Amino acid sequence: MSGELEIGNSALHPNPFTLFDQWFKLAEASEPNDPNAASLATATADGAPSVRMVLAKRIGDYPFCFFTNAEGRKGRELAENPRVALCFHWKSLRRQVRVEGTVSLLDGAAIDAYFHSRSRKSQIGAAVSQQSRALGSRKELEEQVRAFEIQYPEEIPRPEYWVGYHVAVERIEFWIDGANRLHDRFLFTRADDGWTTVRLYP
């Protein structure tokens, strides 16, 4: 089924990325912090799942991107199994968006540009962290940060293992809280000529 979907007296935009942008602007105005925070679910090759919060970014034409240490747990899982799911939950709006698809690496120029747009301290933190591996103490980490700051007093080199991914979206669902659990749910599924759309039961 495809065509115009309505909620109340308003029509939903037929392009899910445009609709997401409309909802995200509302979230930017109402959420107390990090409206771009999303839970990211990954899985190993044999299907063991894990989930954590990330900050999703729009990079160029890619509406859903995130950055991480490719040697950490999520990076290793993405190397084994590129299928992911994201969930944005905006409590102030009582809305959520679920995104499903597969990831690919962003190009090096885009990763470099984003890495160097971060604060110096964030760049150092990303460069020093051996993400997901055992750490002896907080003091050990802080000493590594101080040593790195001395070693690189000017530009921080981006480590090769610090990368970015974009999600090739296959499905995206928009959810609006409803009274008596009669929620509104709208699913967009990618098709050869665009998107098919359907309203789902709560």
Protein backbone atom coordinates (compact mmCIF):
# COMPACT_ATOMS: atom_id res chain seq x y z
CA MET A 1 0.00 0.00 0.00
CA SER A 2 1.30 3.47 -0.79
CA GLY A 3 0.15 7.05 -0.97
CA GLU A 4 -0.65 9.82 1.45
CA LEU A 5 -0.79 9.00 5.16
CA GLU A 6 -2.67 11.23 7.57
CA ILE A 7 -2.48 11.86 11.30
CA GLY A 8 -5.32 13.94 12.69
CA ASN A 9 -5.96 16.72 10.19
CA SER A 10 -2.38 16.72 8.86
CA ALA A 11 -0.80 14.78 6.03
CA LEU A 12 2.56 13.13 6.62
CA HIS A 13 5.27 13.94 4.09
CA PRO A 14 5.68 11.04 1.62
CA ASN A 15 9.50 11.15 1.86
CA PRO A 16 10.59 9.60 5.18
CA PHE A 17 13.84 11.59 5.32
CA THR A 18 11.97 14.88 4.96
CA LEU A 19 9.48 13.71 7.57
CA PHE A 20 12.35 12.80 9.90
CA ASP A 21 13.85 16.27 9.44
CA GLN A 22 10.49 17.84 10.36
CA TRP A 23 10.24 15.76 13.52
CA PHE A 24 13.90 16.35 14.38
CA LYS A 25 13.40 20.14 14.30
CA LEU A 26 10.60 19.72 16.82
CA ALA A 27 12.88 17.56 18.97
CA GLU A 28 15.67 20.15 18.82
CA ALA A 29 13.26 22.69 20.28
CA SER A 30 11.79 20.45 22.98
CA GLU A 31 14.37 17.89 24.12
CA PRO A 32 16.53 18.98 27.09
CA ASN A 33 19.71 17.59 25.48
CA ASP A 34 21.02 15.50 22.58
CA PRO A 35 17.95 15.19 20.36
CA ASN A 36 20.19 13.20 17.98
CA ALA A 37 20.82 10.49 20.59
CA ALA A 38 19.71 7.07 19.35
CA SER A 39 20.02 3.49 20.48
CA LEU A 40 22.11 1.50 18.00
CA ALA A 41 21.60 -2.26 17.80
CA THR A 42 24.22 -4.49 16.21
CA ALA A 43 24.74 -8.25 16.20
CA THR A 44 27.52 -10.75 15.77
CA ALA A 45 27.70 -13.05 12.76
CA ASP A 46 25.73 -15.69 14.70
CA GLY A 47 23.06 -13.19 15.75
CA ALA A 48 23.98 -12.30 19.35
CA PRO A 49 22.65 -8.73 19.78
CA SER A 50 23.99 -5.71 21.63
CA VAL A 51 22.72 -2.16 21.93
CA ARG A 52 24.10 1.20 23.09
CA MET A 53 23.43 4.90 22.68
CA VAL A 54 25.19 6.88 19.94
CA LEU A 55 24.90 10.40 18.56
CA ALA A 56 23.59 10.15 15.01
CA LYS A 57 24.78 12.73 12.48
CA ARG A 58 23.71 13.85 9.02
CA ILE A 59 26.77 13.84 6.72
CA GLY A 60 26.23 15.16 3.19
CA ASP A 61 23.42 13.19 1.56
CA TYR A 62 23.46 10.54 4.27
CA PRO A 63 20.74 11.19 6.88
CA PHE A 64 21.92 8.65 9.48
CA CYS A 65 25.63 8.40 10.29
CA PHE A 66 27.65 7.62 13.40
CA PHE A 67 31.31 7.45 14.34
CA THR A 68 33.22 4.98 16.47
CA ASN A 69 36.40 3.04 17.07
CA ALA A 70 36.38 0.22 14.53
CA GLU A 71 38.38 -1.94 16.94
CA GLY A 72 35.76 -1.68 19.71
CA ARG A 73 32.86 -4.07 20.17
CA LYS A 74 30.42 -2.34 17.84
CA GLY A 75 33.10 -1.95 15.17
CA ARG A 76 33.96 -5.63 15.34
CA GLU A 77 30.31 -6.60 15.15
CA LEU A 78 29.73 -4.32 12.16
CA ALA A 79 32.65 -5.98 10.38
CA GLU A 80 31.00 -9.36 10.93
CA ASN A 81 27.42 -8.29 10.28
CA PRO A 82 26.59 -4.92 8.68
CA ARG A 83 22.88 -5.00 9.57
CA VAL A 84 21.84 -2.39 12.17
CA ALA A 85 18.82 -0.78 13.77
CA LEU A 86 18.54 2.72 15.25
CA CYS A 87 15.81 4.02 17.53
CA PHE A 88 15.28 7.70 18.33
CA HIS A 89 12.99 8.32 21.32
CA TRP A 90 11.88 11.88 22.05
CA LYS A 91 10.12 11.73 25.38
CA SER A 92 9.11 15.40 25.26
CA LEU A 93 7.21 14.75 22.01
CA ARG A 94 6.07 11.24 22.90
CA ARG A 95 7.38 10.09 19.53
CA GLN A 96 9.97 7.66 18.26
CA VAL A 97 11.56 6.73 14.96
CA ARG A 98 12.97 3.29 14.14
CA VAL A 99 15.49 2.88 11.33
CA GLU A 100 16.72 -0.42 9.86
CA GLY A 101 19.33 -1.06 7.19
CA THR A 102 22.94 -1.90 6.49
CA VAL A 103 26.05 0.18 7.14
CA SER A 104 28.95 1.16 4.91
CA LEU A 105 32.05 3.16 5.76
CA LEU A 106 32.07 6.86 5.01
CA ASP A 107 34.99 8.03 2.88
CA GLY A 108 38.17 9.18 4.57
CA ALA A 109 37.64 12.86 3.76
CA ALA A 110 34.24 12.91 5.45
CA ILE A 111 35.61 11.10 8.51
CA ASP A 112 38.58 13.49 8.75
CA ALA A 113 36.31 16.52 8.43
CA TYR A 114 34.03 15.38 11.22
CA PHE A 115 36.89 14.27 13.48
CA HIS A 116 38.55 17.68 13.26
CA SER A 117 35.24 19.49 13.83
CA ARG A 118 35.14 18.04 17.35
CA SER A 119 36.76 19.77 20.30
CA ARG A 120 40.47 19.12 20.83
CA LYS A 121 39.77 17.21 24.04
CA SER A 122 37.20 15.01 22.28
CA GLN A 123 39.70 14.26 19.52
CA ILE A 124 42.29 13.26 22.11
CA GLY A 125 39.78 11.08 23.94
CA ALA A 126 38.90 9.28 20.72
CA ALA A 127 42.57 8.80 19.81
CA VAL A 128 43.60 7.46 23.22
CA SER A 129 40.68 5.17 23.96
CA GLN A 130 41.15 1.46 23.31
CA GLN A 131 37.39 1.16 23.20
CA SER A 132 35.73 -1.83 24.88
CA ARG A 133 39.01 -3.29 26.13
CA ALA A 134 39.95 -3.74 29.77
CA LEU A 135 41.38 -0.65 31.55
CA GLY A 136 43.44 -0.98 34.72
CA SER A 137 42.36 2.31 36.32
CA ARG A 138 41.01 5.79 35.63
CA LYS A 139 44.45 7.14 36.53
CA GLU A 140 46.03 5.09 33.74
CA LEU A 141 43.65 6.62 31.20
CA GLU A 142 44.27 10.17 32.42
CA GLU A 143 48.04 9.66 32.22
CA GLN A 144 47.68 8.46 28.61
CA VAL A 145 45.65 11.57 27.79
CA ARG A 146 48.30 13.89 29.29
CA ALA A 147 51.09 12.11 27.40
CA PHE A 148 49.14 12.37 24.13
CA GLU A 149 48.54 16.09 24.66
CA ILE A 150 52.29 16.63 25.05
CA GLN A 151 53.12 14.49 22.04
CA TYR A 152 50.67 16.41 19.80
CA PRO A 153 50.60 20.08 20.88
CA GLU A 154 48.97 21.18 17.61
CA GLU A 155 46.73 19.18 15.24
CA ILE A 156 45.54 15.81 16.49
CA PRO A 157 46.02 13.05 13.90
CA ARG A 158 42.91 10.96 13.34
CA PRO A 159 43.66 7.32 14.18
CA GLU A 160 42.98 4.91 11.33
CA TYR A 161 40.69 2.91 13.59
CA TRP A 162 38.39 5.90 14.23
CA VAL A 163 35.83 5.69 11.45
CA GLY A 164 32.33 6.70 10.41
CA TYR A 165 29.44 4.69 9.01
CA HIS A 166 26.31 5.62 7.11
CA VAL A 167 23.12 3.59 7.16
CA ALA A 168 21.54 2.55 3.86
CA VAL A 169 17.96 2.69 5.08
CA GLU A 170 15.63 -0.17 4.14
CA ARG A 171 12.81 0.51 6.61
CA ILE A 172 11.89 3.50 8.75
CA GLU A 173 8.94 3.62 11.13
CA PHE A 174 7.40 6.70 12.74
CA TRP A 175 5.54 6.20 16.03
CA ILE A 176 3.28 8.65 17.86
CA ASP A 177 1.95 7.96 21.35
CA GLY A 178 -1.83 7.59 21.49
CA ALA A 179 -4.37 7.53 24.29
CA ASN A 180 -5.28 4.09 25.62
CA ARG A 181 -2.26 2.65 23.78
CA LEU A 182 -3.89 3.37 20.42
CA HIS A 183 -0.60 4.59 18.98
CA ASP A 184 -0.13 5.81 15.42
CA ARG A 185 2.53 3.89 13.50
CA PHE A 186 3.62 4.53 9.93
CA LEU A 187 6.10 2.26 8.13
CA PHE A 188 8.10 3.30 5.06
CA THR A 189 9.82 0.46 3.17
CA ARG A 190 12.27 1.11 0.36
CA ALA A 191 11.08 0.00 -3.08
CA ASP A 192 12.66 0.12 -6.53
CA ASP A 193 10.85 3.33 -7.43
CA GLY A 194 10.86 5.04 -4.03
CA TRP A 195 9.00 4.07 -0.88
CA THR A 196 5.92 2.06 -0.01
CA THR A 197 4.00 3.32 3.01
CA VAL A 198 1.51 1.69 5.34
CA ARG A 199 -0.21 2.44 8.63
CA LEU A 200 0.38 -0.29 11.22
CA TYR A 201 -1.78 -1.50 14.08
CA PRO A 202 -0.48 -0.31 17.46
